[in-house]
Amino acid sequence: MQVKQLSIFIEHQPGRLAQITEVLAQAGVNIMAISVTDTSDYGLLRCVCDRTDDAIAALKAQGMAYTVNKVLAVAVPDVPGSFCRAVRLLSKEGFDLEYMYCFVSRKQGKETVVIRVDDGENAARALMADGWEVLTEEALAPV
């Protein structure tokens, strides 16, 4: 019960992020969640899209470097301590959190946290066993 995430490498040059997002827009791909990080050598755009296969085809056609990873998308109630409970559960169960970012899902009407862990399938099972809603790609797609 994981979703696909694109990790797109961004060279350090003005307008490169605009070029990448334009390629996705022209392919009719909706970016639902996005995170951009930076190193001294390059940037890394991580995103969850509504039509990952179309995004991959568009990036490939433009010769853009990317990878596809599996991540968890966990619906988190908007109340103090909710996120802490989820992270504490994953820690208690021994899962290694690599990174995370969040977005608000219009369709779900909830905050959604995208989490990359070392063993996503088992982490998803542990979260669901504890009552957490782990979303599918279909559940994340816009209305």
Protein backbone atom coordinates (compact mmCIF):
# COMPACT_ATOMS: atom_id res chain seq x y z
CA MET A 1 0.00 0.00 0.00
CA GLN A 2 2.58 2.50 -1.14
CA VAL A 3 2.42 5.25 -3.74
CA LYS A 4 4.94 6.17 -6.42
CA GLN A 5 7.09 9.22 -5.93
CA LEU A 6 9.29 10.82 -8.55
CA SER A 7 12.71 12.12 -7.58
CA ILE A 8 13.93 14.48 -10.29
CA PHE A 9 17.47 15.81 -10.35
CA ILE A 10 17.75 19.57 -10.81
CA GLU A 11 20.94 21.11 -12.11
CA HIS A 12 21.91 24.40 -10.48
CA GLN A 13 20.91 26.85 -13.19
CA PRO A 14 18.28 29.58 -13.34
CA GLY A 15 14.92 28.41 -14.64
CA ARG A 16 15.59 24.67 -14.34
CA LEU A 17 12.76 24.09 -11.85
CA ALA A 18 10.43 26.02 -14.16
CA GLN A 19 11.49 23.79 -17.08
CA ILE A 20 10.78 20.61 -15.15
CA THR A 21 7.38 21.72 -13.90
CA GLU A 22 6.50 22.96 -17.40
CA VAL A 23 7.23 19.51 -18.84
CA LEU A 24 4.87 17.97 -16.30
CA ALA A 25 2.20 20.62 -16.90
CA GLN A 26 2.32 20.13 -20.67
CA ALA A 27 1.83 16.39 -20.11
CA GLY A 28 -1.32 17.17 -18.10
CA VAL A 29 0.23 15.90 -14.88
CA ASN A 30 -1.00 17.35 -11.59
CA ILE A 31 1.67 17.65 -8.88
CA MET A 32 -0.17 16.87 -5.65
CA ALA A 33 2.80 17.02 -3.26
CA ILE A 34 6.25 18.49 -3.74
CA SER A 35 9.49 18.88 -1.86
CA VAL A 36 12.69 20.47 -3.13
CA THR A 37 16.00 19.99 -1.37
CA ASP A 38 19.42 21.30 -2.24
CA THR A 39 22.99 20.09 -2.06
CA SER A 40 26.11 21.90 -3.13
CA ASP A 41 26.07 20.04 -6.46
CA TYR A 42 22.40 19.74 -7.42
CA GLY A 43 18.81 20.01 -6.26
CA LEU A 44 16.32 17.21 -5.86
CA LEU A 45 12.62 17.61 -6.53
CA ARG A 46 10.48 14.91 -4.95
CA CYS A 47 6.84 14.79 -5.96
CA VAL A 48 3.70 12.69 -5.91
CA CYS A 49 1.67 13.15 -9.08
CA ASP A 50 -1.76 12.06 -10.21
CA ARG A 51 -0.49 10.40 -13.40
CA THR A 52 2.97 9.08 -12.63
CA ASP A 53 3.31 7.04 -15.83
CA ASP A 54 2.57 10.12 -17.96
CA ALA A 55 5.06 12.13 -15.90
CA ILE A 56 7.74 9.49 -16.46
CA ALA A 57 7.09 9.45 -20.23
CA ALA A 58 7.31 13.25 -20.40
CA LEU A 59 10.53 13.42 -18.36
CA LYS A 60 12.09 10.60 -20.38
CA ALA A 61 11.17 12.33 -23.67
CA GLN A 62 13.05 15.45 -22.47
CA GLY A 63 16.08 13.47 -21.28
CA MET A 64 15.55 14.52 -17.66
CA ALA A 65 17.11 12.38 -14.92
CA TYR A 66 14.66 10.88 -12.42
CA THR A 67 14.04 7.86 -10.22
CA VAL A 68 10.82 6.32 -8.97
CA ASN A 69 10.52 5.40 -5.29
CA LYS A 70 7.75 3.96 -3.19
CA VAL A 71 6.54 6.07 -0.26
CA LEU A 72 3.70 6.01 2.24
CA ALA A 73 0.94 8.61 2.15
CA VAL A 74 -0.62 8.76 5.61
CA ALA A 75 -3.73 10.79 6.43
CA VAL A 76 -3.10 12.67 9.66
CA PRO A 77 -5.83 14.42 11.68
CA ASP A 78 -5.24 18.14 12.14
CA VAL A 79 -4.90 18.05 15.93
CA PRO A 80 -1.85 18.48 18.16
CA GLY A 81 0.07 15.27 18.69
CA SER A 82 -1.34 13.29 15.75
CA PHE A 83 1.84 13.34 13.72
CA CYS A 84 3.89 12.58 16.81
CA ARG A 85 1.81 9.42 17.43
CA ALA A 86 2.47 8.16 13.89
CA VAL A 87 6.20 8.83 14.09
CA ARG A 88 6.41 7.30 17.56
CA LEU A 89 4.67 4.13 16.29
CA LEU A 90 7.09 3.79 13.36
CA SER A 91 10.04 4.33 15.71
CA LYS A 92 8.71 1.80 18.22
CA GLU A 93 8.28 -0.76 15.45
CA GLY A 94 11.89 -0.21 14.36
CA PHE A 95 11.34 1.52 10.99
CA ASP A 96 14.01 3.93 9.78
CA LEU A 97 12.51 7.22 8.53
CA GLU A 98 14.55 8.54 5.62
CA TYR A 99 12.55 11.73 4.91
CA MET A 100 9.04 13.16 4.84
CA TYR A 101 6.97 16.10 3.61
CA CYS A 102 3.30 16.94 3.76
CA PHE A 103 0.39 18.40 1.81
CA VAL A 104 -3.34 18.91 2.21
CA SER A 105 -5.50 16.62 0.10
CA ARG A 106 -8.58 18.36 -1.25
CA LYS A 107 -10.23 15.03 -1.94
CA GLN A 108 -9.44 13.60 1.50
CA GLY A 109 -9.92 16.91 3.30
CA LYS A 110 -7.01 15.97 5.54
CA GLU A 111 -3.34 16.62 5.93
CA THR A 112 -1.31 13.90 4.26
CA VAL A 113 2.25 13.10 5.22
CA VAL A 114 4.48 11.47 2.62
CA ILE A 115 6.97 9.24 4.42
CA ARG A 116 9.88 7.29 3.02
CA VAL A 117 10.91 4.42 5.30
CA ASP A 118 13.24 1.47 4.91
CA ASP A 119 10.40 -1.11 4.73
CA GLY A 120 7.30 0.62 3.37
CA GLU A 121 4.98 -2.37 3.08
CA ASN A 122 5.50 -3.50 6.66
CA ALA A 123 5.36 0.09 7.90
CA ALA A 124 2.01 0.51 6.12
CA ARG A 125 0.69 -2.65 7.79
CA ALA A 126 1.86 -1.44 11.21
CA LEU A 127 0.21 1.95 10.73
CA MET A 128 -3.08 0.43 9.52
CA ALA A 129 -3.11 -2.06 12.40
CA ASP A 130 -2.92 0.95 14.73
CA GLY A 131 -5.88 2.63 12.98
CA TRP A 132 -4.02 4.99 10.61
CA GLU A 133 -5.33 5.60 7.11
CA VAL A 134 -2.61 4.80 4.58
CA LEU A 135 -3.73 6.13 1.22
CA THR A 136 -3.49 4.52 -2.20
CA GLU A 137 -2.66 6.34 -5.44
CA GLU A 138 -6.34 6.17 -6.39
CA ALA A 139 -7.36 7.79 -3.11
CA LEU A 140 -4.89 10.63 -3.68
CA ALA A 141 -6.01 11.41 -7.23
CA PRO A 142 -7.91 14.69 -7.59
CA VAL A 143 -11.70 14.50 -7.58
